Protein backbone atom coordinates (compact mmCIF):
# COMPACT_ATOMS: atom_id res chain seq x y z
CA MET A 1 24.60 -9.70 -11.98
CA ALA A 2 24.99 -6.14 -10.68
CA ASN A 3 24.64 -5.50 -6.94
CA SER A 4 21.54 -3.32 -7.24
CA PHE A 5 18.48 -2.62 -9.36
CA GLY A 6 19.62 1.03 -9.80
CA PRO A 7 21.41 3.85 -8.00
CA MET A 8 22.00 3.19 -4.38
CA GLN A 9 20.04 5.46 -2.06
CA ASP A 10 22.32 7.12 0.41
CA GLU A 11 19.65 7.32 3.11
CA GLY A 12 18.50 3.67 2.82
CA VAL A 13 15.06 2.50 3.58
CA VAL A 14 12.82 4.14 6.11
CA ASP A 15 12.07 1.71 8.93
CA GLY A 16 8.85 1.11 10.75
CA VAL A 17 7.63 3.12 13.66
CA ASP A 18 9.23 0.86 16.22
CA GLY A 19 12.55 2.34 15.22
CA LEU A 20 14.40 -0.94 14.96
CA GLY A 21 17.00 -1.32 12.24
CA PRO A 22 16.21 -3.30 9.13
CA ASP A 23 19.02 -5.69 9.56
CA GLY A 24 17.28 -8.57 10.98
CA GLY A 25 18.41 -10.09 14.11
CA SER A 26 15.39 -12.39 13.55
CA SER A 27 15.18 -15.63 15.54
CA ARG A 28 13.20 -17.30 12.83
CA LYS A 29 13.90 -21.00 12.45
CA GLU A 30 12.07 -21.38 9.05
CA PRO A 31 13.06 -19.33 6.00
CA ILE A 32 10.87 -16.38 5.03
CA ARG A 33 8.68 -17.64 2.14
CA VAL A 34 8.44 -15.01 -0.63
CA LEU A 35 6.26 -14.69 -3.66
CA VAL A 36 7.63 -12.46 -6.45
CA VAL A 37 5.08 -10.63 -8.60
CA ASP A 38 6.24 -8.47 -11.60
CA ASP A 39 5.16 -8.41 -15.28
CA HIS A 40 8.81 -8.55 -16.39
CA ALA A 41 10.17 -11.98 -16.38
CA LEU A 42 13.76 -10.89 -16.47
CA PHE A 43 13.18 -8.74 -13.26
CA ARG A 44 11.55 -11.70 -11.52
CA ARG A 45 14.43 -13.96 -12.40
CA GLY A 46 16.91 -11.35 -11.17
CA LEU A 47 15.16 -11.15 -7.78
CA GLU A 48 15.06 -14.93 -7.49
CA ILE A 49 18.77 -15.14 -8.12
CA VAL A 50 19.56 -12.47 -5.61
CA LEU A 51 17.24 -13.83 -2.91
CA ALA A 52 18.53 -17.40 -3.47
CA ALA A 53 21.75 -16.36 -1.96
CA GLU A 54 20.05 -15.56 1.35
CA GLU A 55 19.85 -18.50 3.68
CA ASP A 56 16.83 -17.22 5.62
CA ILE A 57 14.78 -16.30 2.47
CA GLN A 58 13.09 -18.78 0.08
CA VAL A 59 11.25 -17.73 -3.09
CA VAL A 60 8.32 -20.10 -3.30
CA GLY A 61 6.69 -18.83 -6.47
CA GLU A 62 6.25 -16.01 -9.00
CA ALA A 63 3.43 -14.31 -10.89
CA GLY A 64 3.26 -12.00 -13.86
CA ASP A 65 0.26 -9.90 -12.87
CA GLY A 66 -2.13 -9.15 -10.04
CA ALA A 67 -4.73 -11.77 -10.98
CA GLU A 68 -2.15 -14.51 -10.99
CA ALA A 69 -0.71 -13.16 -7.77
CA VAL A 70 -4.05 -13.69 -5.97
CA GLU A 71 -4.25 -17.34 -7.20
CA LYS A 72 -0.59 -17.98 -6.17
CA ALA A 73 -1.05 -16.30 -2.79
CA ALA A 74 -4.09 -18.47 -2.03
CA ASP A 75 -2.19 -21.66 -3.04
CA LEU A 76 1.27 -20.92 -1.59
CA LEU A 77 0.36 -18.80 1.47
CA PRO A 78 3.70 -16.88 1.40
CA ASP A 79 4.98 -14.88 4.25
CA ILE A 80 6.01 -11.94 2.08
CA ILE A 81 4.76 -10.81 -1.36
CA LEU A 82 7.07 -8.52 -3.38
CA MET A 83 4.70 -6.98 -5.98
CA ASP A 84 4.86 -4.26 -8.70
CA VAL A 85 2.23 -1.58 -8.80
CA ARG A 86 1.37 -1.33 -12.51
CA MET A 87 0.84 -4.59 -14.30
CA PRO A 88 -1.47 -5.83 -17.07
CA ARG A 89 -4.77 -7.56 -16.44
CA ARG A 90 -4.79 -6.49 -12.72
CA GLY A 91 -2.44 -4.04 -11.04
CA GLY A 92 -0.70 -4.67 -7.72
CA ILE A 93 -2.75 -2.23 -5.65
CA GLU A 94 -6.02 -3.73 -6.78
CA ALA A 95 -4.70 -7.19 -6.11
CA CYS A 96 -3.66 -6.24 -2.49
CA THR A 97 -7.25 -6.21 -1.26
CA SER A 98 -8.04 -9.67 -2.69
CA ILE A 99 -4.77 -11.14 -1.39
CA LYS A 100 -5.65 -9.92 2.10
CA GLU A 101 -8.86 -11.90 1.76
CA VAL A 102 -7.31 -15.20 0.57
CA ALA A 103 -4.00 -15.01 2.43
CA PRO A 104 -4.53 -12.65 5.32
CA SER A 105 -1.16 -13.59 7.01
CA ALA A 106 0.84 -12.43 3.94
CA LYS A 107 2.54 -9.13 4.11
CA ILE A 108 2.78 -7.16 0.94
CA ILE A 109 5.74 -4.97 -0.14
CA MET A 110 5.15 -2.92 -3.28
CA LEU A 111 8.41 -2.86 -5.37
CA THR A 112 7.91 -0.40 -8.19
CA ILE A 113 9.28 2.45 -10.30
CA SER A 114 6.16 4.51 -9.50
CA ASP A 115 6.91 7.44 -7.26
CA GLU A 116 3.39 8.83 -7.58
CA GLU A 117 1.92 9.95 -4.29
CA ALA A 118 -1.54 8.48 -5.29
CA ASP A 119 -0.03 5.03 -5.82
CA LEU A 120 1.64 5.21 -2.29
CA TYR A 121 -1.59 6.28 -0.58
CA ASP A 122 -3.70 3.70 -2.42
CA ALA A 123 -1.17 0.91 -1.65
CA ILE A 124 -1.21 1.71 2.06
CA LYS A 125 -5.01 1.82 2.14
CA ALA A 126 -5.15 -1.50 0.29
CA GLY A 127 -3.06 -3.13 2.99
CA ALA A 128 0.54 -2.93 1.78
CA THR A 129 3.11 -2.96 4.59
CA GLY A 130 5.94 -1.55 2.44
CA TYR A 131 6.52 0.66 -0.54
CA LEU A 132 9.94 0.56 -2.07
CA LEU A 133 11.30 2.02 -5.28
CA LYS A 134 13.20 -0.30 -7.65
CA GLU A 135 16.26 1.91 -7.39
CA ILE A 136 17.16 0.48 -4.01
CA SER A 137 20.08 -2.02 -3.71
CA THR A 138 19.56 -5.84 -3.63
CA ASP A 139 20.87 -5.79 -0.04
CA GLU A 140 18.12 -3.40 0.87
CA VAL A 141 15.44 -5.67 -0.60
CA SER A 142 16.60 -8.59 1.51
CA ALA A 143 16.80 -6.34 4.62
CA ALA A 144 13.27 -5.00 3.92
CA ILE A 145 11.88 -8.55 3.59
CA ARG A 146 13.32 -9.46 7.01
CA ALA A 147 12.08 -6.25 8.60
CA VAL A 148 8.56 -6.64 7.34
CA ALA A 149 8.53 -10.32 8.30
CA ASP A 150 9.48 -9.12 11.85
CA GLY A 151 6.56 -6.73 11.94
CA GLN A 152 8.06 -3.43 10.63
CA SER A 153 6.85 -1.32 7.82
CA GLN A 154 9.27 -0.16 5.10
CA ILE A 155 8.97 2.92 2.84
CA SER A 156 11.56 4.37 0.52
CA PRO A 157 12.80 7.73 1.96
CA SER A 158 11.63 9.89 -0.89
CA MET A 159 8.09 8.39 -0.65
CA ALA A 160 8.11 8.75 3.19
CA SER A 161 8.88 12.40 2.70
CA LYS A 162 6.01 12.83 0.26
CA LEU A 163 3.68 11.07 2.71
CA LEU A 164 4.72 13.45 5.56
CA THR A 165 4.45 16.49 3.36
CA GLU A 166 0.90 15.52 2.27
CA PHE A 167 -0.27 14.98 5.84
CA LYS A 168 1.17 18.33 6.90
CA SER A 169 -0.60 19.96 3.97
CA MET A 170 -3.89 18.26 4.81
CA ILE A 171 -3.70 19.42 8.42
CA GLN A 172 -2.84 23.02 7.27
CA ARG A 173 -5.77 23.09 4.88
CA THR A 174 -8.12 21.73 7.58
CA ASP A 175 -6.93 24.35 10.05
CA GLU A 176 -7.56 27.12 7.49
CA ARG A 177 -11.19 25.92 7.20
CA ARG A 178 -11.86 25.52 10.90
CA LEU A 179 -13.82 28.84 11.10
CA VAL A 180 -15.97 28.03 8.11
CA PRO A 181 -19.18 26.18 8.87
CA ALA A 182 -19.04 22.56 7.77
CA PRO A 183 -21.11 21.97 4.49
CA ARG A 184 -24.13 19.77 5.04
CA LEU A 185 -23.84 16.21 3.62
CA THR A 186 -26.92 14.14 2.93
CA ASP A 187 -27.60 11.01 4.97
CA ARG A 188 -26.47 8.86 1.97
CA GLU A 189 -23.22 10.89 1.47
CA LEU A 190 -22.42 10.32 5.19
CA GLU A 191 -23.01 6.63 4.75
CA VAL A 192 -20.62 6.57 1.76
CA LEU A 193 -18.05 8.73 3.69
CA LYS A 194 -18.11 6.37 6.62
CA LEU A 195 -17.48 3.37 4.26
CA VAL A 196 -14.72 5.21 2.50
CA ALA A 197 -13.11 5.83 5.90
CA THR A 198 -13.04 2.05 6.56
CA GLY A 199 -10.89 1.60 3.45
CA MET A 200 -13.66 0.23 1.19
CA ASN A 201 -13.30 0.79 -2.54
CA ASN A 202 -16.23 1.93 -4.77
CA ARG A 203 -17.18 -1.57 -5.71
CA ASP A 204 -17.42 -2.77 -2.10
CA ILE A 205 -19.39 0.25 -1.10
CA ALA A 206 -21.78 -0.28 -3.93
CA LYS A 207 -22.43 -3.82 -2.76
CA GLU A 208 -22.75 -2.78 0.89
CA LEU A 209 -25.35 -0.06 0.03
CA PHE A 210 -27.07 -1.95 -2.72
CA ILE A 211 -26.43 0.80 -5.23
CA SER A 212 -24.47 1.01 -8.48
CA GLU A 213 -20.76 1.71 -8.64
CA ASN A 214 -21.41 4.75 -10.75
CA THR A 215 -23.81 6.12 -8.03
CA VAL A 216 -20.97 5.64 -5.48
CA LYS A 217 -18.56 7.58 -7.71
CA ASN A 218 -21.12 10.42 -7.93
CA HIS A 219 -21.55 10.51 -4.19
CA VAL A 220 -17.81 10.57 -3.64
CA ARG A 221 -17.39 13.39 -6.20
CA ASN A 222 -20.21 15.44 -4.55
CA ILE A 223 -18.65 14.93 -1.11
CA LEU A 224 -15.26 16.27 -2.36
CA GLU A 225 -16.92 19.21 -4.06
CA LYS A 226 -18.97 20.11 -1.04
CA LEU A 227 -15.97 19.90 1.23
CA GLN A 228 -13.67 21.60 -1.35
CA LEU A 229 -11.19 18.76 -1.08
CA HIS A 230 -9.14 16.80 -3.61
CA SER A 231 -8.90 13.21 -2.39
CA ARG A 232 -10.73 10.54 -0.47
CA MET A 233 -8.12 10.63 2.17
CA GLU A 234 -8.52 14.39 2.72
CA ALA A 235 -12.32 13.93 2.95
CA VAL A 236 -11.99 11.43 5.75
CA VAL A 237 -9.44 13.37 7.75
CA TYR A 238 -11.52 16.60 7.38
CA ALA A 239 -14.76 14.91 8.36
CA MET A 240 -13.16 13.48 11.51
CA ARG A 241 -11.59 16.79 12.39
CA GLU A 242 -14.84 18.69 11.95
CA LYS A 243 -16.76 15.94 13.76
CA ILE A 244 -19.00 15.36 10.66
CA LEU A 245 -17.96 11.70 11.08
CA GLU A 246 -16.68 9.88 14.07
CA ILE A 247 -14.95 6.50 13.65
CA HIS A 248 -14.68 4.36 16.78
């Protein structure tokens, strides 16, 4: 089998904020237990073969979609879950939230071909600790598993760059609006915005406020229109900066 899933990235994988290298140096006595989730059986098998060569990593199970991943996570309680973003039945990002409920100790690394900024943001909000593109080498996959198991976060360089660019853009747009009076949101819109800021999805917000999911969607759309913003993340950052909303 080839030594990588695609072209090797010269810059490697971006480490977590602690600045430690991805190489390990872990003092673990037990192997890192990994659940592999991908809708392509051949890719799952390839990962299993590659990771089987690592003495400190053990693949304990596999799943073909997000729904099965939630079941396997609850049953196996893995340390790390390698999961694709887009899969049939239930995607990886949607599965993240449920996995965090049934296996809160599991750390999730999205391993995907999707380089869409929206997928990156949604994955992070859903609780993913890593976001890696499938073009990385097999050695980098093993290193990322060890790094995340040791408490670091891992993001492919091109995705980290997009994340930083978006945050800079958000700050710039917010600064440009600082002299403009903040639009008035209704009490209900403020309630919805506060729950969005906690990371809740529309379904959970609907349950919390005893309203329909469509009503939540309408509120979110109205909030974005009033604030002249384009995403939920922008709305939260803007609201906090303008002191419309304070999160403690």
